[in-house]
Amino acid sequence: MTKAQRTRSLATHRTHYVKRIVKAWHSATTSDLEAGLAWYDRARAHAEVIHPNVLIGAGVIAALSPRCEWSLNKRWAQTICDAAIAGSSCPSGVHTFAMRSKAWKIARLANPTVEQIVTILNGPKITRFFRNIIGDTSAVTIDVWAQRIATGKDSSTPPKGAMYLTLERAYQLAAEQIGVPARDVQAATWVNIRGAAESLYGDSTSQLGLYFEESDDNLDATFAPLTF
């Protein structure tokens, strides 16, 4: 299948994805919706606690997020920020070398811009996670769980490339129907499916929207308008 054919195929499936996302939203409990709608605001509040510059705090959190429990993610981010603020050396034992290096580089920035941090993060999901934390409600953080909600298929492989963009656009279109920002639709439906998975399988997942790997993503991390 050529790239053009694949893009057309994904666009054809998009309507199906939108319907599933909307259904997942309406199937969620009130408590799950409330938890999801508040999640990113709480993450931002933590970013403001660990660093006086919220962009740095959010960037460090995002850099350390892959394959990481949320409680550990917050603890590691605090460790990195504390060391940078104190002028100490980069702490050892924090995540992998690659993720720790990104976090440390962000923590040592002086008055950074969003674009600088996005460039350092350099991955579609962690850049969207960063932007979601700082208040971008149109970008969508998509992991394997968000993918399952939209496609109805179990997969341990996170989306990338055209598939990622297709799923992001599906969440954005579903959000327009629901009347809630795309970021929060993803968060609320993720909280709901996570709870269902844990009750069925006793499965403790990593954290909201962040069960993924970044190493094999080649998608440009910029946020140009998405059209299909």
Protein backbone atom coordinates (compact mmCIF):
# COMPACT_ATOMS: atom_id res chain seq x y z
CA MET A 1 0.00 0.00 0.00
CA THR A 2 1.37 3.39 -0.98
CA LYS A 3 1.50 6.30 1.46
CA ALA A 4 -1.37 8.02 -0.37
CA GLN A 5 -3.49 4.86 -0.25
CA ARG A 6 -2.77 4.42 3.44
CA THR A 7 -3.75 8.02 4.16
CA ARG A 8 -7.05 7.54 2.31
CA SER A 9 -7.68 4.30 4.17
CA LEU A 10 -7.07 5.93 7.53
CA ALA A 11 -9.36 8.82 6.63
CA THR A 12 -12.08 6.29 5.74
CA HIS A 13 -11.76 4.69 9.15
CA ARG A 14 -11.81 8.04 10.94
CA THR A 15 -15.61 8.21 11.07
CA HIS A 16 -15.65 4.84 12.83
CA TYR A 17 -13.06 6.07 15.32
CA VAL A 18 -15.06 9.21 16.06
CA LYS A 19 -18.18 7.17 16.78
CA ARG A 20 -16.31 4.90 19.18
CA ILE A 21 -14.77 7.84 21.05
CA VAL A 22 -18.16 9.53 21.43
CA LYS A 23 -19.66 6.25 22.64
CA ALA A 24 -16.83 5.82 25.15
CA TRP A 25 -17.48 9.31 26.49
CA HIS A 26 -21.18 8.65 26.99
CA SER A 27 -20.40 5.26 28.58
CA ALA A 28 -18.09 6.77 31.19
CA THR A 29 -19.25 7.22 34.77
CA THR A 30 -19.73 10.68 36.23
CA SER A 31 -16.76 10.18 38.55
CA ASP A 32 -14.51 9.11 35.66
CA LEU A 33 -15.56 12.15 33.63
CA GLU A 34 -14.86 14.45 36.56
CA ALA A 35 -11.46 12.84 37.18
CA GLY A 36 -10.50 13.09 33.52
CA LEU A 37 -11.62 16.68 33.17
CA ALA A 38 -9.48 17.69 36.15
CA TRP A 39 -6.42 15.59 35.34
CA TYR A 40 -4.34 17.97 33.26
CA ASP A 41 -5.09 20.94 35.49
CA ARG A 42 -3.76 18.93 38.42
CA ALA A 43 -0.68 17.99 36.40
CA ARG A 44 -0.08 21.68 35.67
CA ALA A 45 -0.43 22.49 39.36
CA HIS A 46 2.31 19.95 40.11
CA ALA A 47 4.52 21.45 37.40
CA GLU A 48 4.13 24.83 39.12
CA VAL A 49 5.15 23.29 42.45
CA ILE A 50 8.37 21.67 41.28
CA HIS A 51 9.71 24.67 39.33
CA PRO A 52 9.02 28.43 39.33
CA ASN A 53 8.79 28.29 35.53
CA VAL A 54 5.76 26.15 34.63
CA LEU A 55 7.12 25.42 31.15
CA ILE A 56 10.23 23.85 32.67
CA GLY A 57 8.23 21.93 35.25
CA ALA A 58 5.86 20.57 32.60
CA GLY A 59 8.71 19.82 30.20
CA VAL A 60 10.61 17.80 32.81
CA ILE A 61 7.47 15.86 33.69
CA ALA A 62 6.83 15.09 30.02
CA ALA A 63 10.44 14.05 29.38
CA LEU A 64 10.33 11.52 32.23
CA SER A 65 6.83 10.21 31.51
CA PRO A 66 7.31 7.24 29.12
CA ARG A 67 6.86 3.85 30.81
CA CYS A 68 6.66 5.51 34.20
CA GLU A 69 4.07 5.40 36.97
CA TRP A 70 2.61 8.84 37.62
CA SER A 71 3.73 8.88 41.25
CA LEU A 72 7.29 8.03 40.21
CA ASN A 73 7.12 10.48 37.31
CA LYS A 74 6.33 13.29 39.75
CA ARG A 75 9.03 12.22 42.19
CA TRP A 76 11.71 12.00 39.52
CA ALA A 77 10.67 15.36 38.04
CA GLN A 78 10.99 16.94 41.49
CA THR A 79 14.46 15.43 41.88
CA ILE A 80 15.65 16.78 38.53
CA CYS A 81 14.20 20.26 39.13
CA ASP A 82 15.57 20.48 42.67
CA ALA A 83 19.06 19.62 41.45
CA ALA A 84 18.93 22.13 38.59
CA ILE A 85 17.66 24.92 40.84
CA ALA A 86 20.38 24.16 43.41
CA GLY A 87 23.08 24.18 40.74
CA SER A 88 23.98 20.58 41.44
CA SER A 89 24.94 17.91 38.91
CA CYS A 90 22.35 15.77 37.15
CA PRO A 91 21.02 13.13 39.57
CA SER A 92 21.77 9.52 38.73
CA GLY A 93 19.20 6.74 38.82
CA VAL A 94 16.45 8.77 37.20
CA HIS A 95 14.77 6.97 34.28
CA THR A 96 16.90 5.99 31.27
CA PHE A 97 19.91 7.97 30.11
CA ALA A 98 18.02 9.35 27.10
CA MET A 99 14.96 10.52 29.05
CA ARG A 100 17.05 11.84 31.95
CA SER A 101 19.20 13.82 29.51
CA LYS A 102 16.15 15.45 27.97
CA ALA A 103 14.74 16.32 31.37
CA TRP A 104 18.05 17.76 32.58
CA LYS A 105 18.51 19.85 29.46
CA ILE A 106 15.02 21.31 29.94
CA ALA A 107 15.55 21.89 33.67
CA ARG A 108 18.67 23.98 32.99
CA LEU A 109 17.05 26.28 30.43
CA ALA A 110 16.74 29.97 31.24
CA ASN A 111 13.40 31.54 30.29
CA PRO A 112 12.59 28.89 27.64
CA THR A 113 9.92 29.11 24.99
CA VAL A 114 7.40 26.39 24.24
CA GLU A 115 9.16 25.77 20.95
CA GLN A 116 12.53 25.21 22.66
CA ILE A 117 11.08 22.56 24.95
CA VAL A 118 9.15 20.86 22.13
CA THR A 119 12.41 20.63 20.17
CA ILE A 120 14.19 18.95 23.09
CA LEU A 121 11.33 16.51 23.74
CA ASN A 122 11.17 15.61 20.04
CA GLY A 123 8.43 13.00 20.11
CA PRO A 124 4.78 13.32 19.11
CA LYS A 125 3.28 11.92 22.28
CA ILE A 126 5.53 13.51 24.89
CA THR A 127 5.36 16.88 23.13
CA ARG A 128 1.58 16.68 23.13
CA PHE A 129 1.63 15.63 26.78
CA PHE A 130 3.76 18.68 27.57
CA ARG A 131 1.42 20.95 25.65
CA ASN A 132 -1.64 19.41 27.28
CA ILE A 133 -0.16 20.12 30.72
CA ILE A 134 0.54 23.78 29.93
CA GLY A 135 -2.98 24.30 28.63
CA ASP A 136 -3.13 23.30 24.96
CA THR A 137 -6.55 21.63 24.80
CA SER A 138 -6.59 20.80 21.08
CA ALA A 139 -3.51 18.54 20.96
CA VAL A 140 -4.19 14.94 21.99
CA THR A 141 -1.87 12.59 23.87
CA ILE A 142 -2.48 9.15 22.37
CA ASP A 143 -1.12 5.94 23.87
CA VAL A 144 -2.16 2.32 23.36
CA TRP A 145 -5.22 2.84 25.57
CA ALA A 146 -6.44 5.89 23.68
CA GLN A 147 -5.83 3.92 20.49
CA ARG A 148 -7.93 1.01 21.78
CA ILE A 149 -10.80 3.33 22.64
CA ALA A 150 -10.88 4.65 19.07
CA THR A 151 -10.19 1.44 17.14
CA GLY A 152 -11.68 -1.23 19.38
CA LYS A 153 -8.55 -3.32 18.92
CA ASP A 154 -6.05 -4.44 21.52
CA SER A 155 -2.49 -3.57 20.62
CA SER A 156 0.70 -3.18 22.59
CA THR A 157 2.14 -1.04 19.81
CA PRO A 158 1.46 2.70 20.11
CA PRO A 159 0.35 4.60 17.02
CA LYS A 160 2.78 6.65 14.99
CA GLY A 161 2.98 8.55 11.74
CA ALA A 162 -0.24 8.88 9.76
CA MET A 163 -2.09 6.66 12.21
CA TYR A 164 -1.26 8.97 15.10
CA LEU A 165 -2.49 12.00 13.17
CA THR A 166 -5.67 10.16 12.16
CA LEU A 167 -6.47 9.22 15.75
CA GLU A 168 -5.68 12.71 17.01
CA ARG A 169 -8.03 14.18 14.42
CA ALA A 170 -10.70 11.65 15.41
CA TYR A 171 -10.49 12.80 19.03
CA GLN A 172 -10.70 16.41 17.90
CA LEU A 173 -13.83 15.72 15.82
CA ALA A 174 -15.40 13.70 18.63
CA ALA A 175 -14.68 16.59 20.99
CA GLU A 176 -16.54 18.96 18.67
CA GLN A 177 -19.60 16.71 18.86
CA ILE A 178 -19.39 16.36 22.63
CA GLY A 179 -18.65 20.02 23.29
CA VAL A 180 -15.57 19.35 25.43
CA PRO A 181 -11.90 20.05 24.53
CA ALA A 182 -10.12 17.16 22.79
CA ARG A 183 -7.49 16.97 25.52
CA ASP A 184 -10.16 16.36 28.14
CA VAL A 185 -12.12 13.87 26.05
CA GLN A 186 -8.97 11.76 25.84
CA ALA A 187 -8.31 12.08 29.56
CA ALA A 188 -11.84 11.22 30.66
CA THR A 189 -12.28 8.25 28.34
CA TRP A 190 -8.82 6.98 29.31
CA VAL A 191 -9.69 7.12 33.01
CA ASN A 192 -12.84 5.13 32.25
CA ILE A 193 -11.15 2.39 30.21
CA ARG A 194 -8.31 2.14 32.71
CA GLY A 195 -10.78 1.48 35.50
CA ALA A 196 -12.53 -1.18 33.43
CA ALA A 197 -9.24 -2.87 32.60
CA GLU A 198 -8.12 -2.91 36.21
CA SER A 199 -11.41 -4.37 37.40
CA LEU A 200 -11.32 -7.10 34.77
CA TYR A 201 -7.65 -7.99 34.74
CA GLY A 202 -6.08 -6.36 37.78
CA ASP A 203 -3.89 -4.49 35.32
CA SER A 204 -1.98 -1.55 36.75
CA THR A 205 -1.02 0.67 33.84
CA SER A 206 1.63 3.31 33.79
CA GLN A 207 -0.23 6.62 33.86
CA LEU A 208 -2.78 8.72 32.06
CA GLY A 209 -2.12 8.68 28.35
CA LEU A 210 1.53 7.79 28.68
CA TYR A 211 1.95 4.06 28.09
CA PHE A 212 4.19 4.28 25.05
CA GLU A 213 7.69 4.24 23.69
CA GLU A 214 9.23 7.20 21.90
CA SER A 215 12.30 5.67 20.30
CA ASP A 216 10.82 4.63 16.97
CA ASP A 217 8.70 7.70 16.26
CA ASN A 218 9.66 9.73 13.24
CA LEU A 219 6.64 12.02 13.22
CA ASP A 220 7.37 15.72 13.24
CA ALA A 221 6.55 17.04 16.68
CA THR A 222 5.30 20.43 15.46
CA PHE A 223 1.64 21.30 15.64
CA ALA A 224 0.57 22.33 12.16
CA PRO A 225 -3.19 22.25 11.44
CA LEU A 226 -4.37 18.70 10.83
CA THR A 227 -6.57 18.16 7.79
CA PHE A 228 -7.83 15.07 6.02
